[in-house]
Amino acid sequence: YWADRDFIVGVAEGKSVPQYHDRGVG
């Protein structure tokens, strides 16, 4: 989803977003 928007997942700087957070709700 974020790759299509030219965002990098999990990188601290630049155009980035946090990694998916799984709380274990199934």
PDB file of all heavy atoms in Angstrom:
ATOM      1  N   TYR A   1       0.834  -1.201   0.000  1.00  0.00           N
ATOM      2  CA  TYR A   1       0.000   0.000   0.000  1.00  0.00           C
ATOM      3  C   TYR A   1       0.871   1.254   0.000  1.00  0.00           C
ATOM      4  O   TYR A   1       0.649   2.192  -0.774  1.00  0.00           O
ATOM      5  CB  TYR A   1      -0.915  -0.030   1.231  1.00  0.00           C
ATOM      6  CG  TYR A   1      -1.707   1.229   1.475  1.00  0.00           C
ATOM      7  CD1 TYR A   1      -2.945   1.409   0.869  1.00  0.00           C
ATOM      8  CD2 TYR A   1      -1.229   2.227   2.321  1.00  0.00           C
ATOM      9  CE1 TYR A   1      -3.689   2.561   1.097  1.00  0.00           C
ATOM     10  CE2 TYR A   1      -1.956   3.385   2.548  1.00  0.00           C
ATOM     11  CZ  TYR A   1      -3.186   3.548   1.939  1.00  0.00           C
ATOM     12  OH  TYR A   1      -3.908   4.699   2.166  1.00  0.00           O
ATOM     13  N   TRP A   2       1.888   1.276   0.873  1.00  0.00           N
ATOM     14  CA  TRP A   2       2.730   2.470   0.975  1.00  0.00           C
ATOM     15  C   TRP A   2       3.746   2.550  -0.164  1.00  0.00           C
ATOM     16  O   TRP A   2       4.127   3.653  -0.584  1.00  0.00           O
ATOM     17  CB  TRP A   2       3.427   2.518   2.329  1.00  0.00           C
ATOM     18  CG  TRP A   2       2.477   2.858   3.432  1.00  0.00           C
ATOM     19  CD1 TRP A   2       2.044   2.050   4.436  1.00  0.00           C
ATOM     20  CD2 TRP A   2       1.799   4.114   3.612  1.00  0.00           C
ATOM     21  NE1 TRP A   2       1.146   2.706   5.237  1.00  0.00           N
ATOM     22  CE2 TRP A   2       0.980   3.981   4.757  1.00  0.00           C
ATOM     23  CE3 TRP A   2       1.803   5.318   2.924  1.00  0.00           C
ATOM     24  CZ2 TRP A   2       0.175   5.026   5.216  1.00  0.00           C
ATOM     25  CZ3 TRP A   2       1.001   6.370   3.383  1.00  0.00           C
ATOM     26  CH2 TRP A   2       0.204   6.204   4.516  1.00  0.00           C
ATOM     27  N   ALA A   3       4.168   1.400  -0.687  1.00  0.00           N
ATOM     28  CA  ALA A   3       5.083   1.415  -1.831  1.00  0.00           C
ATOM     29  C   ALA A   3       4.430   2.096  -3.025  1.00  0.00           C
ATOM     30  O   ALA A   3       5.081   2.843  -3.776  1.00  0.00           O
ATOM     31  CB  ALA A   3       5.510  -0.004  -2.190  1.00  0.00           C
ATOM     32  N   ASP A   4       3.131   1.871  -3.222  1.00  0.00           N
ATOM     33  CA  ASP A   4       2.405   2.518  -4.314  1.00  0.00           C
ATOM     34  C   ASP A   4       2.360   4.038  -4.145  1.00  0.00           C
ATOM     35  O   ASP A   4       2.152   4.764  -5.116  1.00  0.00           O
ATOM     36  CB  ASP A   4       0.968   1.998  -4.384  1.00  0.00           C
ATOM     37  CG  ASP A   4       0.876   0.710  -5.190  1.00  0.00           C
ATOM     38  OD1 ASP A   4       1.908   0.274  -5.735  1.00  0.00           O
ATOM     39  OD2 ASP A   4      -0.236   0.144  -5.258  1.00  0.00           O
ATOM     40  N   ARG A   5       2.548   4.499  -2.924  1.00  0.00           N
ATOM     41  CA  ARG A   5       2.538   5.931  -2.651  1.00  0.00           C
ATOM     42  C   ARG A   5       3.948   6.489  -2.486  1.00  0.00           C
ATOM     43  O   ARG A   5       4.131   7.597  -1.977  1.00  0.00           O
ATOM     44  CB  ARG A   5       1.692   6.197  -1.391  1.00  0.00           C
ATOM     45  CG  ARG A   5       0.201   5.973  -1.645  1.00  0.00           C
ATOM     46  CD  ARG A   5      -0.565   5.664  -0.380  1.00  0.00           C
ATOM     47  NE  ARG A   5      -2.018   5.583  -0.637  1.00  0.00           N
ATOM     48  CZ  ARG A   5      -2.620   4.570  -1.243  1.00  0.00           C
ATOM     49  NH1 ARG A   5      -1.905   3.526  -1.634  1.00  0.00           N
ATOM     50  NH2 ARG A   5      -3.923   4.583  -1.459  1.00  0.00           N
ATOM     51  N   ASP A   6       4.937   5.681  -2.898  1.00  0.00           N
ATOM     52  CA  ASP A   6       6.346   6.086  -2.854  1.00  0.00           C
ATOM     53  C   ASP A   6       6.855   6.345  -1.440  1.00  0.00           C
ATOM     54  O   ASP A   6       7.712   7.201  -1.223  1.00  0.00           O
ATOM     55  CB  ASP A   6       6.582   7.330  -3.718  1.00  0.00           C
ATOM     56  CG  ASP A   6       6.309   7.055  -5.192  1.00  0.00           C
ATOM     57  OD1 ASP A   6       6.594   5.928  -5.647  1.00  0.00           O
ATOM     58  OD2 ASP A   6       5.801   7.952  -5.876  1.00  0.00           O
ATOM     59  N   PHE A   7       6.295   5.610  -0.470  1.00  0.00           N
ATOM     60  CA  PHE A   7       6.804   5.671   0.896  1.00  0.00           C
ATOM     61  C   PHE A   7       7.607   4.403   1.177  1.00  0.00           C
ATOM     62  O   PHE A   7       7.294   3.326   0.674  1.00  0.00           O
ATOM     63  CB  PHE A   7       5.657   5.773   1.907  1.00  0.00           C
ATOM     64  CG  PHE A   7       5.134   7.164   2.104  1.00  0.00           C
ATOM     65  CD1 PHE A   7       4.252   7.728   1.191  1.00  0.00           C
ATOM     66  CD2 PHE A   7       5.516   7.923   3.200  1.00  0.00           C
ATOM     67  CE1 PHE A   7       3.750   9.003   1.354  1.00  0.00           C
ATOM     68  CE2 PHE A   7       5.028   9.202   3.390  1.00  0.00           C
ATOM     69  CZ  PHE A   7       4.147   9.744   2.465  1.00  0.00           C
ATOM     70  N   ILE A   8       8.624   4.541   2.015  1.00  0.00           N
ATOM     71  CA  ILE A   8       9.420   3.396   2.438  1.00  0.00           C
ATOM     72  C   ILE A   8       8.990   3.014   3.850  1.00  0.00           C
ATOM     73  O   ILE A   8       8.878   3.867   4.731  1.00  0.00           O
ATOM     74  CB  ILE A   8      10.923   3.724   2.412  1.00  0.00           C
ATOM     75  CG1 ILE A   8      11.329   4.148   0.992  1.00  0.00           C
ATOM     76  CG2 ILE A   8      11.746   2.537   2.870  1.00  0.00           C
ATOM     77  CD1 ILE A   8      12.760   4.656   0.897  1.00  0.00           C
ATOM     78  N   VAL A   9       8.743   1.748   4.076  1.00  0.00           N
ATOM     79  CA  VAL A   9       8.277   1.275   5.372  1.00  0.00           C
ATOM     80  C   VAL A   9       9.467   0.963   6.271  1.00  0.00           C
ATOM     81  O   VAL A   9      10.401   0.265   5.869  1.00  0.00           O
ATOM     82  CB  VAL A   9       7.400   0.017   5.220  1.00  0.00           C
ATOM     83  CG1 VAL A   9       7.033  -0.565   6.588  1.00  0.00           C
ATOM     84  CG2 VAL A   9       6.143   0.352   4.431  1.00  0.00           C
ATOM     85  N   GLY A  10       9.433   1.504   7.494  1.00  0.00           N
ATOM     86  CA  GLY A  10      10.409   1.143   8.507  1.00  0.00           C
ATOM     87  C   GLY A  10      11.718   1.897   8.479  1.00  0.00           C
ATOM     88  O   GLY A  10      12.635   1.558   9.216  1.00  0.00           O
ATOM     89  N   VAL A  11      11.841   2.938   7.673  1.00  0.00           N
ATOM     90  CA  VAL A  11      13.068   3.737   7.613  1.00  0.00           C
ATOM     91  C   VAL A  11      12.847   4.997   8.435  1.00  0.00           C
ATOM     92  O   VAL A  11      11.798   5.638   8.349  1.00  0.00           O
ATOM     93  CB  VAL A  11      13.425   4.090   6.159  1.00  0.00           C
ATOM     94  CG1 VAL A  11      14.676   4.946   6.110  1.00  0.00           C
ATOM     95  CG2 VAL A  11      13.614   2.818   5.352  1.00  0.00           C
ATOM     96  N   ALA A  12      13.822   5.379   9.209  1.00  0.00           N
ATOM     97  CA  ALA A  12      13.666   6.471  10.165  1.00  0.00           C
ATOM     98  C   ALA A  12      13.658   7.851   9.520  1.00  0.00           C
ATOM     99  O   ALA A  12      13.124   8.793  10.083  1.00  0.00           O
ATOM    100  CB  ALA A  12      14.773   6.397  11.219  1.00  0.00           C
ATOM    101  N   GLU A  13      14.296   8.005   8.357  1.00  0.00           N
ATOM    102  CA  GLU A  13      14.343   9.332   7.775  1.00  0.00           C
ATOM    103  C   GLU A  13      13.729   9.335   6.378  1.00  0.00           C
ATOM    104  O   GLU A  13      13.443   8.287   5.804  1.00  0.00           O
ATOM    105  CB  GLU A  13      15.791   9.850   7.694  1.00  0.00           C
ATOM    106  CG  GLU A  13      16.660   9.090   6.705  1.00  0.00           C
ATOM    107  CD  GLU A  13      17.451   7.985   7.365  1.00  0.00           C
ATOM    108  OE1 GLU A  13      17.452   7.905   8.609  1.00  0.00           O
ATOM    109  OE2 GLU A  13      18.068   7.212   6.627  1.00  0.00           O
ATOM    110  N   GLY A  14      13.507  10.564   5.861  1.00  0.00           N
ATOM    111  CA  GLY A  14      12.957  10.684   4.522  1.00  0.00           C
ATOM    112  C   GLY A  14      11.466  10.407   4.495  1.00  0.00           C
ATOM    113  O   GLY A  14      10.755  10.501   5.500  1.00  0.00           O
ATOM    114  N   LYS A  15      10.977  10.055   3.321  1.00  0.00           N
ATOM    115  CA  LYS A  15       9.552   9.792   3.117  1.00  0.00           C
ATOM    116  C   LYS A  15       9.261   8.366   3.555  1.00  0.00           C
ATOM    117  O   LYS A  15       9.306   7.430   2.757  1.00  0.00           O
ATOM    118  CB  LYS A  15       9.207  10.004   1.646  1.00  0.00           C
ATOM    119  CG  LYS A  15       7.713  10.110   1.366  1.00  0.00           C
ATOM    120  CD  LYS A  15       7.466  10.436  -0.108  1.00  0.00           C
ATOM    121  CE  LYS A  15       5.975  10.508  -0.391  1.00  0.00           C
ATOM    122  NZ  LYS A  15       5.700  10.746  -1.827  1.00  0.00           N
ATOM    123  N   SER A  16       8.972   8.205   4.841  1.00  0.00           N
ATOM    124  CA  SER A  16       8.849   6.855   5.388  1.00  0.00           C
ATOM    125  C   SER A  16       7.651   6.755   6.330  1.00  0.00           C
ATOM    126  O   SER A  16       7.122   7.758   6.806  1.00  0.00           O
ATOM    127  CB  SER A  16      10.117   6.464   6.132  1.00  0.00           C
ATOM    128  OG  SER A  16      10.308   7.311   7.257  1.00  0.00           O
ATOM    129  N   VAL A  17       7.244   5.531   6.603  1.00  0.00           N
ATOM    130  CA  VAL A  17       6.173   5.247   7.558  1.00  0.00           C
ATOM    131  C   VAL A  17       6.625   4.092   8.447  1.00  0.00           C
ATOM    132  O   VAL A  17       7.494   3.309   8.069  1.00  0.00           O
ATOM    133  CB  VAL A  17       4.857   4.864   6.838  1.00  0.00           C
ATOM    134  CG1 VAL A  17       4.300   6.034   6.053  1.00  0.00           C
ATOM    135  CG2 VAL A  17       5.050   3.658   5.941  1.00  0.00           C
ATOM    136  N   PRO A  18       6.038   3.964   9.650  1.00  0.00           N
ATOM    137  CA  PRO A  18       6.406   2.849  10.525  1.00  0.00           C
ATOM    138  C   PRO A  18       6.008   1.506   9.924  1.00  0.00           C
ATOM    139  O   PRO A  18       5.149   1.426   9.040  1.00  0.00           O
ATOM    140  CB  PRO A  18       5.617   3.125  11.808  1.00  0.00           C
ATOM    141  CG  PRO A  18       5.227   4.554  11.734  1.00  0.00           C
ATOM    142  CD  PRO A  18       5.074   4.877  10.282  1.00  0.00           C
ATOM    143  N   GLN A  19       6.614   0.453  10.422  1.00  0.00           N
ATOM    144  CA  GLN A  19       6.222  -0.885  10.007  1.00  0.00           C
ATOM    145  C   GLN A  19       4.827  -1.213  10.538  1.00  0.00           C
ATOM    146  O   GLN A  19       4.350  -0.622  11.513  1.00  0.00           O
ATOM    147  CB  GLN A  19       7.226  -1.915  10.532  1.00  0.00           C
ATOM    148  CG  GLN A  19       8.596  -1.831   9.885  1.00  0.00           C
ATOM    149  CD  GLN A  19       9.543  -2.900  10.401  1.00  0.00           C
ATOM    150  OE1 GLN A  19       9.295  -3.506  11.430  1.00  0.00           O
ATOM    151  NE2 GLN A  19      10.620  -3.132   9.675  1.00  0.00           N
ATOM    152  N   TYR A  20       4.161  -2.151   9.881  1.00  0.00           N
ATOM    153  CA  TYR A  20       2.856  -2.611  10.345  1.00  0.00           C
ATOM    154  C   TYR A  20       3.008  -3.185  11.751  1.00  0.00           C
ATOM    155  O   TYR A  20       3.904  -3.977  12.032  1.00  0.00           O
ATOM    156  CB  TYR A  20       2.299  -3.673   9.400  1.00  0.00           C
ATOM    157  CG  TYR A  20       0.959  -4.222   9.826  1.00  0.00           C
ATOM    158  CD1 TYR A  20      -0.214  -3.559   9.476  1.00  0.00           C
ATOM    159  CD2 TYR A  20       0.860  -5.390  10.578  1.00  0.00           C
ATOM    160  CE1 TYR A  20      -1.453  -4.046   9.856  1.00  0.00           C
ATOM    161  CE2 TYR A  20      -0.375  -5.888  10.977  1.00  0.00           C
ATOM    162  CZ  TYR A  20      -1.525  -5.212  10.618  1.00  0.00           C
ATOM    163  OH  TYR A  20      -2.749  -5.693  11.018  1.00  0.00           O
ATOM    164  N   HIS A  21       2.123  -2.761  12.641  1.00  0.00           N
ATOM    165  CA  HIS A  21       2.173  -3.227  14.031  1.00  0.00           C
ATOM    166  C   HIS A  21       1.060  -4.237  14.268  1.00  0.00           C
ATOM    167  O   HIS A  21      -0.128  -3.918  14.171  1.00  0.00           O
ATOM    168  CB  HIS A  21       2.008  -2.045  14.994  1.00  0.00           C
ATOM    169  CG  HIS A  21       2.067  -2.432  16.435  1.00  0.00           C
ATOM    170  ND1 HIS A  21       3.215  -2.906  17.028  1.00  0.00           N
ATOM    171  CD2 HIS A  21       1.115  -2.424  17.400  1.00  0.00           C
ATOM    172  CE1 HIS A  21       2.975  -3.161  18.295  1.00  0.00           C
ATOM    173  NE2 HIS A  21       1.704  -2.894  18.552  1.00  0.00           N
ATOM    174  N   ASP A  22       1.438  -5.461  14.570  1.00  0.00           N
ATOM    175  CA  ASP A  22       0.481  -6.544  14.802  1.00  0.00           C
ATOM    176  C   ASP A  22       0.255  -6.711  16.300  1.00  0.00           C
ATOM    177  O   ASP A  22       1.163  -7.118  17.025  1.00  0.00           O
ATOM    178  CB  ASP A  22       1.011  -7.840  14.190  1.00  0.00           C
ATOM    179  CG  ASP A  22      -0.032  -8.960  14.200  1.00  0.00           C
ATOM    180  OD1 ASP A  22      -1.051  -8.810  14.906  1.00  0.00           O
ATOM    181  OD2 ASP A  22       0.178  -9.968  13.503  1.00  0.00           O
ATOM    182  N   ARG A  23      -0.945  -6.390  16.767  1.00  0.00           N
ATOM    183  CA  ARG A  23      -1.259  -6.532  18.194  1.00  0.00           C
ATOM    184  C   ARG A  23      -1.782  -7.916  18.530  1.00  0.00           C
ATOM    185  O   ARG A  23      -2.142  -8.189  19.681  1.00  0.00           O
ATOM    186  CB  ARG A  23      -2.294  -5.487  18.618  1.00  0.00           C
ATOM    187  CG  ARG A  23      -1.801  -4.069  18.539  1.00  0.00           C
ATOM    188  CD  ARG A  23      -2.664  -3.138  19.364  1.00  0.00           C
ATOM    189  NE  ARG A  23      -4.030  -3.015  18.854  1.00  0.00           N
ATOM    190  CZ  ARG A  23      -4.989  -2.299  19.457  1.00  0.00           C
ATOM    191  NH1 ARG A  23      -4.725  -1.681  20.596  1.00  0.00           N
ATOM    192  NH2 ARG A  23      -6.191  -2.208  18.931  1.00  0.00           N
ATOM    193  N   GLY A  24      -1.857  -8.781  17.519  1.00  0.00           N
ATOM    194  CA  GLY A  24      -2.279 -10.145  17.784  1.00  0.00           C
ATOM    195  C   GLY A  24      -3.774 -10.323  17.916  1.00  0.00           C
ATOM    196  O   GLY A  24      -4.234 -11.238  18.606  1.00  0.00           O
ATOM    197  N   VAL A  25      -4.568  -9.482  17.241  1.00  0.00           N
ATOM    198  CA  VAL A  25      -6.027  -9.631  17.329  1.00  0.00           C
ATOM    199  C   VAL A  25      -6.534 -10.695  16.362  1.00  0.00           C
ATOM    200  O   VAL A  25      -7.719 -11.035  16.374  1.00  0.00           O
ATOM    201  CB  VAL A  25      -6.749  -8.292  17.059  1.00  0.00           C
ATOM    202  CG1 VAL A  25      -6.312  -7.239  18.054  1.00  0.00           C
ATOM    203  CG2 VAL A  25      -6.520  -7.807  15.632  1.00  0.00           C
ATOM    204  N   GLY A  26      -5.635 -11.223  15.518  1.00  0.00           N
ATOM    205  CA  GLY A  26      -6.017 -12.304  14.629  1.00  0.00           C
ATOM    206  C   GLY A  26      -6.538 -11.858  13.285  1.00  0.00           C
ATOM    207  O   GLY A  26      -7.075 -12.685  12.526  1.00  0.00           O
TER     208      GLY A  26
END
